Amino acid sequence: MEITDAAIAWIRSNRRRHRIPEKFGLRVFRHDGGGLATRSSAEPDMGEETVLHGGLRFFVSADAARALAGRRIDVRASGESDGLVLTRSQPERATEARRITGTARPGSRIPAASRSRS
């Protein structure tokens, strides 16, 4: 799993804004609609892999890990709709992105967005 420094900073800022404890990790999982979503959690669920990045814990389900293969988590700031996005790991293809989270409030479901191209 790859994640940019900008995404780490965005997650930290968002956690402070929503008063989520520092010890909590960020669960990355597939929601019922098929897209990826995130939720803050104190501990991983059974079967989830714990990944450390930038001093943060990520709890990644097996199906989410497959979706993250060859991609990196980044942040896209666009006024009111900033959030985490998936981009291809190769810099030359970094313009293709899929939104995976919005406000990162605990328990939020984020539908998969269509892919965009520049």
PDB file of N, CA and C in Angstrom:
ATOM      1  N   MET A   1       0.853  -1.179   0.000  1.00  0.00           N
ATOM      2  CA  MET A   1       0.000   0.000   0.000  1.00  0.00           C
ATOM      3  C   MET A   1       0.889   1.228   0.000  1.00  0.00           C
ATOM      4  N   GLU A   2       0.657   2.134  -0.933  1.00  0.00           N
ATOM      5  CA  GLU A   2       1.397   3.390  -0.979  1.00  0.00           C
ATOM      6  C   GLU A   2       0.473   4.523  -0.553  1.00  0.00           C
ATOM      7  N   ILE A   3       1.034   5.492   0.143  1.00  0.00           N
ATOM      8  CA  ILE A   3       0.270   6.670   0.550  1.00  0.00           C
ATOM      9  C   ILE A   3       1.206   7.874   0.541  1.00  0.00           C
ATOM     10  N   THR A   4       0.720   8.997   0.032  1.00  0.00           N
ATOM     11  CA  THR A   4       1.561  10.186  -0.068  1.00  0.00           C
ATOM     12  C   THR A   4       1.618  10.941   1.258  1.00  0.00           C
ATOM     13  N   ASP A   5       2.652  11.778   1.395  1.00  0.00           N
ATOM     14  CA  ASP A   5       2.770  12.625   2.584  1.00  0.00           C
ATOM     15  C   ASP A   5       1.585  13.574   2.700  1.00  0.00           C
ATOM     16  N   ALA A   6       1.089  14.058   1.556  1.00  0.00           N
ATOM     17  CA  ALA A   6      -0.067  14.962   1.568  1.00  0.00           C
ATOM     18  C   ALA A   6      -1.308  14.252   2.121  1.00  0.00           C
ATOM     19  N   ALA A   7      -1.480  12.977   1.775  1.00  0.00           N
ATOM     20  CA  ALA A   7      -2.623  12.215   2.290  1.00  0.00           C
ATOM     21  C   ALA A   7      -2.493  11.990   3.794  1.00  0.00           C
ATOM     22  N   ILE A   8      -1.280  11.701   4.253  1.00  0.00           N
ATOM     23  CA  ILE A   8      -1.043  11.537   5.694  1.00  0.00           C
ATOM     24  C   ILE A   8      -1.402  12.833   6.430  1.00  0.00           C
ATOM     25  N   ALA A   9      -0.950  13.968   5.898  1.00  0.00           N
ATOM     26  CA  ALA A   9      -1.248  15.267   6.527  1.00  0.00           C
ATOM     27  C   ALA A   9      -2.750  15.531   6.540  1.00  0.00           C
ATOM     28  N   TRP A  10      -3.449  15.199   5.456  1.00  0.00           N
ATOM     29  CA  TRP A  10      -4.892  15.418   5.368  1.00  0.00           C
ATOM     30  C   TRP A  10      -5.622  14.553   6.404  1.00  0.00           C
ATOM     31  N   ILE A  11      -5.201  13.296   6.536  1.00  0.00           N
ATOM     32  CA  ILE A  11      -5.830  12.395   7.507  1.00  0.00           C
ATOM     33  C   ILE A  11      -5.629  12.934   8.925  1.00  0.00           C
ATOM     34  N   ARG A  12      -4.408  13.366   9.240  1.00  0.00           N
ATOM     35  CA  ARG A  12      -4.132  13.916  10.582  1.00  0.00           C
ATOM     36  C   ARG A  12      -5.005  15.146  10.860  1.00  0.00           C
ATOM     37  N   SER A  13      -5.088  16.045   9.894  1.00  0.00           N
ATOM     38  CA  SER A  13      -5.897  17.257  10.048  1.00  0.00           C
ATOM     39  C   SER A  13      -7.373  16.911  10.236  1.00  0.00           C
ATOM     40  N   ASN A  14      -7.852  15.980   9.443  1.00  0.00           N
ATOM     41  CA  ASN A  14      -9.252  15.578   9.523  1.00  0.00           C
ATOM     42  C   ASN A  14      -9.566  14.919  10.864  1.00  0.00           C
ATOM     43  N   ARG A  15      -8.623  14.115  11.371  1.00  0.00           N
ATOM     44  CA  ARG A  15      -8.823  13.491  12.683  1.00  0.00           C
ATOM     45  C   ARG A  15      -8.914  14.537  13.779  1.00  0.00           C
ATOM     46  N   ARG A  16      -8.055  15.544  13.713  1.00  0.00           N
ATOM     47  CA  ARG A  16      -8.128  16.621  14.724  1.00  0.00           C
ATOM     48  C   ARG A  16      -9.461  17.348  14.628  1.00  0.00           C
ATOM     49  N   ARG A  17      -9.887  17.666  13.418  1.00  0.00           N
ATOM     50  CA  ARG A  17     -11.141  18.400  13.211  1.00  0.00           C
ATOM     51  C   ARG A  17     -12.338  17.637  13.759  1.00  0.00           C
ATOM     52  N   HIS A  18     -12.338  16.313  13.615  1.00  0.00           N
ATOM     53  CA  HIS A  18     -13.458  15.485  14.081  1.00  0.00           C
ATOM     54  C   HIS A  18     -13.217  14.875  15.461  1.00  0.00           C
ATOM     55  N   ARG A  19     -12.115  15.295  16.102  1.00  0.00           N
ATOM     56  CA  ARG A  19     -11.763  14.863  17.459  1.00  0.00           C
ATOM     57  C   ARG A  19     -11.686  13.341  17.594  1.00  0.00           C
ATOM     58  N   ILE A  20     -11.050  12.721  16.623  1.00  0.00           N
ATOM     59  CA  ILE A  20     -10.833  11.274  16.645  1.00  0.00           C
ATOM     60  C   ILE A  20      -9.524  11.025  17.383  1.00  0.00           C
ATOM     61  N   PRO A  21      -9.513  10.137  18.352  1.00  0.00           N
ATOM     62  CA  PRO A  21      -8.291   9.902  19.133  1.00  0.00           C
ATOM     63  C   PRO A  21      -7.095   9.510  18.261  1.00  0.00           C
ATOM     64  N   GLU A  22      -5.930   9.996  18.634  1.00  0.00           N
ATOM     65  CA  GLU A  22      -4.690   9.708  17.905  1.00  0.00           C
ATOM     66  C   GLU A  22      -4.391   8.220  17.827  1.00  0.00           C
ATOM     67  N   LYS A  23      -4.798   7.459  18.840  1.00  0.00           N
ATOM     68  CA  LYS A  23      -4.490   6.030  18.869  1.00  0.00           C
ATOM     69  C   LYS A  23      -5.333   5.226  17.873  1.00  0.00           C
ATOM     70  N   PHE A  24      -6.392   5.812  17.332  1.00  0.00           N
ATOM     71  CA  PHE A  24      -7.245   5.104  16.381  1.00  0.00           C
ATOM     72  C   PHE A  24      -6.533   4.946  15.046  1.00  0.00           C
ATOM     73  N   GLY A  25      -6.851   3.861  14.351  1.00  0.00           N
ATOM     74  CA  GLY A  25      -6.358   3.641  12.999  1.00  0.00           C
ATOM     75  C   GLY A  25      -7.452   3.971  11.997  1.00  0.00           C
ATOM     76  N   LEU A  26      -7.103   3.882  10.727  1.00  0.00           N
ATOM     77  CA  LEU A  26      -8.062   4.137   9.656  1.00  0.00           C
ATOM     78  C   LEU A  26      -8.312   2.831   8.912  1.00  0.00           C
ATOM     79  N   ARG A  27      -9.535   2.342   8.992  1.00  0.00           N
ATOM     80  CA  ARG A  27      -9.923   1.107   8.303  1.00  0.00           C
ATOM     81  C   ARG A  27     -10.183   1.441   6.835  1.00  0.00           C
ATOM     82  N   VAL A  28      -9.629   0.621   5.933  1.00  0.00           N
ATOM     83  CA  VAL A  28      -9.874   0.750   4.491  1.00  0.00           C
ATOM     84  C   VAL A  28     -10.570  -0.540   4.080  1.00  0.00           C
ATOM     85  N   PHE A  29     -11.778  -0.410   3.499  1.00  0.00           N
ATOM     86  CA  PHE A  29     -12.585  -1.591   3.206  1.00  0.00           C
ATOM     87  C   PHE A  29     -13.497  -1.325   2.017  1.00  0.00           C
ATOM     88  N   ARG A  30     -14.070  -2.388   1.477  1.00  0.00           N
ATOM     89  CA  ARG A  30     -15.082  -2.261   0.418  1.00  0.00           C
ATOM     90  C   ARG A  30     -16.450  -2.145   1.092  1.00  0.00           C
ATOM     91  N   HIS A  31     -17.226  -1.149   0.663  1.00  0.00           N
ATOM     92  CA  HIS A  31     -18.575  -1.042   1.217  1.00  0.00           C
ATOM     93  C   HIS A  31     -19.556  -1.744   0.293  1.00  0.00           C
ATOM     94  N   ASP A  32     -20.801  -1.805   0.687  1.00  0.00           N
ATOM     95  CA  ASP A  32     -21.815  -2.578  -0.033  1.00  0.00           C
ATOM     96  C   ASP A  32     -21.948  -2.186  -1.496  1.00  0.00           C
ATOM     97  N   GLY A  33     -21.689  -0.934  -1.834  1.00  0.00           N
ATOM     98  CA  GLY A  33     -21.802  -0.477  -3.223  1.00  0.00           C
ATOM     99  C   GLY A  33     -20.615  -0.884  -4.088  1.00  0.00           C
ATOM    100  N   GLY A  34     -19.593  -1.520  -3.491  1.00  0.00           N
ATOM    101  CA  GLY A  34     -18.453  -2.004  -4.252  1.00  0.00           C
ATOM    102  C   GLY A  34     -17.234  -1.107  -4.228  1.00  0.00           C
ATOM    103  N   GLY A  35     -17.400   0.153  -3.862  1.00  0.00           N
ATOM    104  CA  GLY A  35     -16.264   1.069  -3.808  1.00  0.00           C
ATOM    105  C   GLY A  35     -15.508   0.936  -2.501  1.00  0.00           C
ATOM    106  N   LEU A  36     -14.432   1.689  -2.389  1.00  0.00           N
ATOM    107  CA  LEU A  36     -13.660   1.692  -1.150  1.00  0.00           C
ATOM    108  C   LEU A  36     -14.169   2.785  -0.226  1.00  0.00           C
ATOM    109  N   ALA A  37     -14.027   2.539   1.055  1.00  0.00           N
ATOM    110  CA  ALA A  37     -14.437   3.507   2.069  1.00  0.00           C
ATOM    111  C   ALA A  37     -13.435   3.453   3.210  1.00  0.00           C
ATOM    112  N   THR A  38     -13.496   4.451   4.069  1.00  0.00           N
ATOM    113  CA  THR A  38     -12.642   4.483   5.249  1.00  0.00           C
ATOM    114  C   THR A  38     -13.505   4.753   6.479  1.00  0.00           C
ATOM    115  N   ARG A  39     -12.987   4.299   7.624  1.00  0.00           N
ATOM    116  CA  ARG A  39     -13.674   4.539   8.896  1.00  0.00           C
ATOM    117  C   ARG A  39     -12.619   4.459   9.993  1.00  0.00           C
ATOM    118  N   SER A  40     -12.704   5.328  10.944  1.00  0.00           N
ATOM    119  CA  SER A  40     -11.786   5.286  12.082  1.00  0.00           C
ATOM    120  C   SER A  40     -12.158   4.125  12.983  1.00  0.00           C
ATOM    121  N   SER A  41     -11.129   3.487  13.558  1.00  0.00           N
ATOM    122  CA  SER A  41     -11.369   2.334  14.405  1.00  0.00           C
ATOM    123  C   SER A  41     -10.231   2.195  15.411  1.00  0.00           C
ATOM    124  N   ALA A  42     -10.572   1.729  16.615  1.00  0.00           N
ATOM    125  CA  ALA A  42      -9.564   1.543  17.652  1.00  0.00           C
ATOM    126  C   ALA A  42      -8.670   0.344  17.351  1.00  0.00           C
ATOM    127  N   GLU A  43      -9.211  -0.705  16.759  1.00  0.00           N
ATOM    128  CA  GLU A  43      -8.472  -1.936  16.501  1.00  0.00           C
ATOM    129  C   GLU A  43      -8.899  -2.530  15.162  1.00  0.00           C
ATOM    130  N   PRO A  44      -8.043  -3.355  14.562  1.00  0.00           N
ATOM    131  CA  PRO A  44      -8.438  -4.015  13.306  1.00  0.00           C
ATOM    132  C   PRO A  44      -9.476  -5.100  13.558  1.00  0.00           C
ATOM    133  N   ASP A  45     -10.281  -5.370  12.532  1.00  0.00           N
ATOM    134  CA  ASP A  45     -11.186  -6.520  12.579  1.00  0.00           C
ATOM    135  C   ASP A  45     -10.388  -7.773  12.271  1.00  0.00           C
ATOM    136  N   MET A  46     -10.938  -8.929  12.616  1.00  0.00           N
ATOM    137  CA  MET A  46     -10.266 -10.187  12.327  1.00  0.00           C
ATOM    138  C   MET A  46     -10.034 -10.294  10.815  1.00  0.00           C
ATOM    139  N   GLY A  47      -8.823 -10.676  10.444  1.00  0.00           N
ATOM    140  CA  GLY A  47      -8.485 -10.853   9.038  1.00  0.00           C
ATOM    141  C   GLY A  47      -7.943  -9.610   8.361  1.00  0.00           C
ATOM    142  N   GLU A  48      -7.977  -8.477   9.024  1.00  0.00           N
ATOM    143  CA  GLU A  48      -7.441  -7.255   8.425  1.00  0.00           C
ATOM    144  C   GLU A  48      -5.938  -7.157   8.696  1.00  0.00           C
ATOM    145  N   GLU A  49      -5.217  -6.666   7.718  1.00  0.00           N
ATOM    146  CA  GLU A  49      -3.785  -6.431   7.869  1.00  0.00           C
ATOM    147  C   GLU A  49      -3.582  -5.033   8.438  1.00  0.00           C
ATOM    148  N   THR A  50      -2.657  -4.896   9.383  1.00  0.00           N
ATOM    149  CA  THR A  50      -2.314  -3.585   9.922  1.00  0.00           C
ATOM    150  C   THR A  50      -1.067  -3.094   9.206  1.00  0.00           C
ATOM    151  N   VAL A  51      -1.191  -1.909   8.588  1.00  0.00           N
ATOM    152  CA  VAL A  51      -0.099  -1.304   7.837  1.00  0.00           C
ATOM    153  C   VAL A  51       0.231   0.027   8.490  1.00  0.00           C
ATOM    154  N   LEU A  52       1.513   0.289   8.720  1.00  0.00           N
ATOM    155  CA  LEU A  52       1.950   1.556   9.304  1.00  0.00           C
ATOM    156  C   LEU A  52       2.529   2.458   8.222  1.00  0.00           C
ATOM    157  N   HIS A  53       2.064   3.701   8.182  1.00  0.00           N
ATOM    158  CA  HIS A  53       2.576   4.716   7.261  1.00  0.00           C
ATOM    159  C   HIS A  53       2.566   6.054   7.972  1.00  0.00           C
ATOM    160  N   GLY A  54       3.685   6.727   7.984  1.00  0.00           N
ATOM    161  CA  GLY A  54       3.736   8.074   8.553  1.00  0.00           C
ATOM    162  C   GLY A  54       3.272   8.151   9.989  1.00  0.00           C
ATOM    163  N   GLY A  55       3.483   7.082  10.753  1.00  0.00           N
ATOM    164  CA  GLY A  55       3.051   7.066  12.139  1.00  0.00           C
ATOM    165  C   GLY A  55       1.568   6.780  12.319  1.00  0.00           C
ATOM    166  N   LEU A  56       0.849   6.489  11.246  1.00  0.00           N
ATOM    167  CA  LEU A  56      -0.577   6.160  11.314  1.00  0.00           C
ATOM    168  C   LEU A  56      -0.766   4.675  11.055  1.00  0.00           C
ATOM    169  N   ARG A  57      -1.799   4.111  11.683  1.00  0.00           N
ATOM    170  CA  ARG A  57      -2.150   2.711  11.452  1.00  0.00           C
ATOM    171  C   ARG A  57      -3.320   2.645  10.465  1.00  0.00           C
ATOM    172  N   PHE A  58      -3.193   1.756   9.492  1.00  0.00           N
ATOM    173  CA  PHE A  58      -4.258   1.493   8.531  1.00  0.00           C
ATOM    174  C   PHE A  58      -4.632   0.031   8.676  1.00  0.00           C
ATOM    175  N   PHE A  59      -5.931  -0.249   8.774  1.00  0.00           N
ATOM    176  CA  PHE A  59      -6.441  -1.603   8.862  1.00  0.00           C
ATOM    177  C   PHE A  59      -7.053  -1.924   7.502  1.00  0.00           C
ATOM    178  N   VAL A  60      -6.432  -2.829   6.769  1.00  0.00           N
ATOM    179  CA  VAL A  60      -6.801  -3.068   5.378  1.00  0.00           C
ATOM    180  C   VAL A  60      -7.374  -4.475   5.213  1.00  0.00           C
ATOM    181  N   SER A  61      -8.601  -4.534   4.709  1.00  0.00           N
ATOM    182  CA  SER A  61      -9.217  -5.830   4.443  1.00  0.00           C
ATOM    183  C   SER A  61      -8.575  -6.428   3.190  1.00  0.00           C
ATOM    184  N   ALA A  62      -8.698  -7.752   3.034  1.00  0.00           N
ATOM    185  CA  ALA A  62      -8.089  -8.431   1.891  1.00  0.00           C
ATOM    186  C   ALA A  62      -8.634  -7.918   0.566  1.00  0.00           C
ATOM    187  N   ASP A  63      -9.960  -7.692   0.476  1.00  0.00           N
ATOM    188  CA  ASP A  63     -10.522  -7.206  -0.785  1.00  0.00           C
ATOM    189  C   ASP A  63     -10.094  -5.766  -1.073  1.00  0.00           C
ATOM    190  N   ALA A  64      -9.914  -4.954  -0.049  1.00  0.00           N
ATOM    191  CA  ALA A  64      -9.415  -3.591  -0.256  1.00  0.00           C
ATOM    192  C   ALA A  64      -7.955  -3.629  -0.693  1.00  0.00           C
ATOM    193  N   ALA A  65      -7.175  -4.558  -0.137  1.00  0.00           N
ATOM    194  CA  ALA A  65      -5.762  -4.677  -0.525  1.00  0.00           C
ATOM    195  C   ALA A  65      -5.641  -4.988  -2.009  1.00  0.00           C
ATOM    196  N   ARG A  66      -6.516  -5.839  -2.533  1.00  0.00           N
ATOM    197  CA  ARG A  66      -6.486  -6.138  -3.968  1.00  0.00           C
ATOM    198  C   ARG A  66      -6.798  -4.880  -4.777  1.00  0.00           C
ATOM    199  N   ALA A  67      -7.751  -4.082  -4.333  1.00  0.00           N
ATOM    200  CA  ALA A  67      -8.113  -2.847  -5.044  1.00  0.00           C
ATOM    201  C   ALA A  67      -6.993  -1.814  -4.976  1.00  0.00           C
ATOM    202  N   LEU A  68      -6.165  -1.872  -3.936  1.00  0.00           N
ATOM    203  CA  LEU A  68      -5.076  -0.914  -3.764  1.00  0.00           C
ATOM    204  C   LEU A  68      -3.805  -1.311  -4.516  1.00  0.00           C
ATOM    205  N   ALA A  69      -3.746  -2.531  -5.028  1.00  0.00           N
ATOM    206  CA  ALA A  69      -2.551  -3.003  -5.731  1.00  0.00           C
ATOM    207  C   ALA A  69      -2.258  -2.108  -6.938  1.00  0.00           C
ATOM    208  N   GLY A  70      -1.030  -1.608  -7.019  1.00  0.00           N
ATOM    209  CA  GLY A  70      -0.624  -0.761  -8.136  1.00  0.00           C
ATOM    210  C   GLY A  70      -1.137   0.664  -8.062  1.00  0.00           C
ATOM    211  N   ARG A  71      -1.696   1.030  -6.914  1.00  0.00           N
ATOM    212  CA  ARG A  71      -2.237   2.378  -6.730  1.00  0.00           C
ATOM    213  C   ARG A  71      -1.662   2.990  -5.464  1.00  0.00           C
ATOM    214  N   ARG A  72      -1.838   4.284  -5.332  1.00  0.00           N
ATOM    215  CA  ARG A  72      -1.435   4.947  -4.096  1.00  0.00           C
ATOM    216  C   ARG A  72      -2.578   5.837  -3.637  1.00  0.00           C
ATOM    217  N   ILE A  73      -2.640   6.029  -2.326  1.00  0.00           N
ATOM    218  CA  ILE A  73      -3.633   6.916  -1.736  1.00  0.00           C
ATOM    219  C   ILE A  73      -3.025   8.310  -1.714  1.00  0.00           C
ATOM    220  N   ASP A  74      -3.759   9.268  -2.244  1.00  0.00           N
ATOM    221  CA  ASP A  74      -3.311  10.657  -2.299  1.00  0.00           C
ATOM    222  C   ASP A  74      -4.476  11.524  -1.841  1.00  0.00           C
ATOM    223  N   VAL A  75      -4.277  12.830  -1.827  1.00  0.00           N
ATOM    224  CA  VAL A  75      -5.353  13.743  -1.451  1.00  0.00           C
ATOM    225  C   VAL A  75      -5.599  14.690  -2.612  1.00  0.00           C
ATOM    226  N   ARG A  76      -6.848  14.976  -2.849  1.00  0.00           N
ATOM    227  CA  ARG A  76      -7.238  15.938  -3.871  1.00  0.00           C
ATOM    228  C   ARG A  76      -8.025  17.033  -3.175  1.00  0.00           C
ATOM    229  N   ALA A  77      -7.494  18.239  -3.214  1.00  0.00           N
ATOM    230  CA  ALA A  77      -8.175  19.389  -2.612  1.00  0.00           C
ATOM    231  C   ALA A  77      -8.836  20.175  -3.732  1.00  0.00           C
ATOM    232  N   SER A  78     -10.153  20.283  -3.654  1.00  0.00           N
ATOM    233  CA  SER A  78     -10.890  21.055  -4.658  1.00  0.00           C
ATOM    234  C   SER A  78     -12.023  21.809  -3.977  1.00  0.00           C
ATOM    235  N   GLY A  79     -11.658  22.760  -3.158  1.00  0.00           N
ATOM    236  CA  GLY A  79     -12.657  23.557  -2.460  1.00  0.00           C
ATOM    237  C   GLY A  79     -13.381  22.750  -1.413  1.00  0.00           C
ATOM    238  N   GLU A  80     -14.693  22.635  -1.570  1.00  0.00           N
ATOM    239  CA  GLU A  80     -15.513  21.952  -0.574  1.00  0.00           C
ATOM    240  C   GLU A  80     -15.434  20.431  -0.653  1.00  0.00           C
ATOM    241  N   SER A  81     -14.913  19.879  -1.745  1.00  0.00           N
ATOM    242  CA  SER A  81     -14.941  18.424  -1.902  1.00  0.00           C
ATOM    243  C   SER A  81     -13.545  17.805  -1.835  1.00  0.00           C
ATOM    244  N   ASP A  82     -12.731  18.271  -0.888  1.00  0.00           N
ATOM    245  CA  ASP A  82     -11.416  17.651  -0.744  1.00  0.00           C
ATOM    246  C   ASP A  82     -11.575  16.269  -0.134  1.00  0.00           C
ATOM    247  N   GLY A  83     -10.616  15.410  -0.404  1.00  0.00           N
ATOM    248  CA  GLY A  83     -10.681  14.072   0.149  1.00  0.00           C
ATOM    249  C   GLY A  83      -9.596  13.186  -0.415  1.00  0.00           C
ATOM    250  N   LEU A  84      -9.614  11.939   0.012  1.00  0.00           N
ATOM    251  CA  LEU A  84      -8.636  10.970  -0.438  1.00  0.00           C
ATOM    252  C   LEU A  84      -9.044  10.404  -1.789  1.00  0.00           C
ATOM    253  N   VAL A  85      -8.057  10.140  -2.626  1.00  0.00           N
ATOM    254  CA  VAL A  85      -8.284   9.552  -3.944  1.00  0.00           C
ATOM    255  C   VAL A  85      -7.253   8.450  -4.166  1.00  0.00           C
ATOM    256  N   LEU A  86      -7.564   7.548  -5.080  1.00  0.00           N
ATOM    257  CA  LEU A  86      -6.603   6.542  -5.529  1.00  0.00           C
ATOM    258  C   LEU A  86      -6.025   7.002  -6.854  1.00  0.00           C
ATOM    259  N   THR A  87      -4.706   6.958  -6.972  1.00  0.00           N
ATOM    260  CA  THR A  87      -4.052   7.258  -8.242  1.00  0.00           C
ATOM    261  C   THR A  87      -3.158   6.084  -8.595  1.00  0.00           C
ATOM    262  N   ARG A  88      -2.833   5.957  -9.854  1.00  0.00           N
ATOM    263  CA  ARG A  88      -1.901   4.898 -10.264  1.00  0.00           C
ATOM    264  C   ARG A  88      -0.537   5.194  -9.679  1.00  0.00           C
ATOM    265  N   SER A  89       0.207   4.165  -9.352  1.00  0.00           N
ATOM    266  CA  SER A  89       1.526   4.340  -8.755  1.00  0.00           C
ATOM    267  C   SER A  89       2.538   4.971  -9.697  1.00  0.00           C
ATOM    268  N   GLN A  90       2.382   4.761 -11.012  1.00  0.00           N
ATOM    269  CA  GLN A  90       3.304   5.356 -11.970  1.00  0.00           C
ATOM    270  C   GLN A  90       2.990   6.837 -12.129  1.00  0.00           C
ATOM    271  N   PRO A  91       3.989   7.731 -11.947  1.00  0.00           N
ATOM    272  CA  PRO A  91       3.757   9.168 -12.032  1.00  0.00           C
ATOM    273  C   PRO A  91       3.130   9.609 -13.345  1.00  0.00           C
ATOM    274  N   GLU A  92       3.454   8.950 -14.462  1.00  0.00           N
ATOM    275  CA  GLU A  92       2.921   9.368 -15.757  1.00  0.00           C
ATOM    276  C   GLU A  92       1.426   9.105 -15.887  1.00  0.00           C
ATOM    277  N   ARG A  93       0.856   8.301 -15.004  1.00  0.00           N
ATOM    278  CA  ARG A  93      -0.574   8.013 -15.051  1.00  0.00           C
ATOM    279  C   ARG A  93      -1.307   8.552 -13.832  1.00  0.00           C
ATOM    280  N   ALA A  94      -0.708   9.477 -13.132  1.00  0.00           N
ATOM    281  CA  ALA A  94      -1.264   9.959 -11.872  1.00  0.00           C
ATOM    282  C   ALA A  94      -2.508  10.816 -12.051  1.00  0.00           C
ATOM    283  N   THR A  95      -2.893  11.149 -13.278  1.00  0.00           N
ATOM    284  CA  THR A  95      -4.087  11.964 -13.475  1.00  0.00           C
ATOM    285  C   THR A  95      -5.370  11.151 -13.344  1.00  0.00           C
ATOM    286  N   GLU A  96      -5.292   9.827 -13.475  1.00  0.00           N
ATOM    287  CA  GLU A  96      -6.480   8.998 -13.311  1.00  0.00           C
ATOM    288  C   GLU A  96      -6.688   8.749 -11.828  1.00  0.00           C
ATOM    289  N   ALA A  97      -7.867   9.080 -11.328  1.00  0.00           N
ATOM    290  CA  ALA A  97      -8.108   8.949  -9.889  1.00  0.00           C
ATOM    291  C   ALA A  97      -9.527   8.462  -9.635  1.00  0.00           C
ATOM    292  N   ARG A  98      -9.702   7.840  -8.491  1.00  0.00           N
ATOM    293  CA  ARG A  98     -11.013   7.405  -8.043  1.00  0.00           C
ATOM    294  C   ARG A  98     -11.146   7.809  -6.595  1.00  0.00           C
ATOM    295  N   ARG A  99     -12.201   8.497  -6.259  1.00  0.00           N
ATOM    296  CA  ARG A  99     -12.416   8.979  -4.902  1.00  0.00           C
ATOM    297  C   ARG A  99     -12.708   7.811  -3.970  1.00  0.00           C
ATOM    298  N   ILE A 100     -12.046   7.778  -2.794  1.00  0.00           N
ATOM    299  CA  ILE A 100     -12.333   6.703  -1.850  1.00  0.00           C
ATOM    300  C   ILE A 100     -12.873   7.201  -0.522  1.00  0.00           C
ATOM    301  N   THR A 101     -12.844   8.487  -0.265  1.00  0.00           N
ATOM    302  CA  THR A 101     -13.395   8.971   0.993  1.00  0.00           C
ATOM    303  C   THR A 101     -13.756  10.445   0.877  1.00  0.00           C
ATOM    304  N   GLY A 102     -14.629  10.877   1.730  1.00  0.00           N
ATOM    305  CA  GLY A 102     -15.018  12.278   1.775  1.00  0.00           C
ATOM    306  C   GLY A 102     -14.500  12.904   3.044  1.00  0.00           C
ATOM    307  N   THR A 103     -15.360  13.034   4.030  1.00  0.00           N
ATOM    308  CA  THR A 103     -14.977  13.718   5.255  1.00  0.00           C
ATOM    309  C   THR A 103     -14.331  12.816   6.283  1.00  0.00           C
ATOM    310  N   ALA A 104     -14.270  11.527   6.031  1.00  0.00           N
ATOM    311  CA  ALA A 104     -13.675  10.542   6.937  1.00  0.00           C
ATOM    312  C   ALA A 104     -14.320  10.535   8.317  1.00  0.00           C
ATOM    313  N   ARG A 105     -15.598  10.871   8.366  1.00  0.00           N
ATOM    314  CA  ARG A 105     -16.323  10.746   9.630  1.00  0.00           C
ATOM    315  C   ARG A 105     -16.517   9.280   9.922  1.00  0.00           C
ATOM    316  N   PRO A 106     -16.446   8.894  11.171  1.00  0.00           N
ATOM    317  CA  PRO A 106     -16.584   7.474  11.511  1.00  0.00           C
ATOM    318  C   PRO A 106     -17.888   6.897  10.968  1.00  0.00           C
ATOM    319  N   GLY A 107     -17.773   5.758  10.295  1.00  0.00           N
ATOM    320  CA  GLY A 107     -18.948   5.060   9.787  1.00  0.00           C
ATOM    321  C   GLY A 107     -19.489   5.574   8.479  1.00  0.00           C
ATOM    322  N   SER A 108     -18.810   6.503   7.810  1.00  0.00           N
ATOM    323  CA  SER A 108     -19.347   7.035   6.559  1.00  0.00           C
ATOM    324  C   SER A 108     -19.104   6.066   5.412  1.00  0.00           C
ATOM    325  N   ARG A 109     -20.066   5.987   4.503  1.00  0.00           N
ATOM    326  CA  ARG A 109     -19.934   5.184   3.290  1.00  0.00           C
ATOM    327  C   ARG A 109     -19.731   6.144   2.136  1.00  0.00           C
ATOM    328  N   ILE A 110     -18.764   5.841   1.321  1.00  0.00           N
ATOM    329  CA  ILE A 110     -18.453   6.692   0.189  1.00  0.00           C
ATOM    330  C   ILE A 110     -18.585   5.862  -1.079  1.00  0.00           C
ATOM    331  N   PRO A 111     -19.523   6.200  -1.972  1.00  0.00           N
ATOM    332  CA  PRO A 111     -19.659   5.420  -3.203  1.00  0.00           C
ATOM    333  C   PRO A 111     -18.463   5.650  -4.126  1.00  0.00           C
ATOM    334  N   ALA A 112     -18.173   4.643  -4.924  1.00  0.00           N
ATOM    335  CA  ALA A 112     -17.086   4.784  -5.896  1.00  0.00           C
ATOM    336  C   ALA A 112     -17.496   5.793  -6.944  1.00  0.00           C
ATOM    337  N   ALA A 113     -16.586   6.677  -7.309  1.00  0.00           N
ATOM    338  CA  ALA A 113     -16.853   7.681  -8.334  1.00  0.00           C
ATOM    339  C   ALA A 113     -16.307   7.180  -9.655  1.00  0.00           C
ATOM    340  N   SER A 114     -16.809   7.750 -10.744  1.00  0.00           N
ATOM    341  CA  SER A 114     -16.278   7.366 -12.038  1.00  0.00           C
ATOM    342  C   SER A 114     -14.882   7.901 -12.200  1.00  0.00           C
ATOM    343  N   ARG A 115     -14.098   7.259 -13.025  1.00  0.00           N
ATOM    344  CA  ARG A 115     -12.723   7.699 -13.248  1.00  0.00           C
ATOM    345  C   ARG A 115     -12.717   8.956 -14.088  1.00  0.00           C
ATOM    346  N   SER A 116     -11.780   9.840 -13.783  1.00  0.00           N
ATOM    347  CA  SER A 116     -11.672  11.080 -14.529  1.00  0.00           C
ATOM    348  C   SER A 116     -10.329  11.124 -15.225  1.00  0.00           C
ATOM    349  N   ARG A 117     -10.285  11.757 -16.343  1.00  0.00           N
ATOM    350  CA  ARG A 117      -9.038  11.911 -17.095  1.00  0.00           C
ATOM    351  C   ARG A 117      -8.841  13.386 -17.404  1.00  0.00           C
ATOM    352  N   SER A 118      -7.589  13.827 -17.404  1.00  0.00           N
ATOM    353  CA  SER A 118      -7.281  15.234 -17.708  1.00  0.00           C
ATOM    354  C   SER A 118      -7.312  15.457 -19.194  1.00  0.00           C
TER     355      SER A 118
END
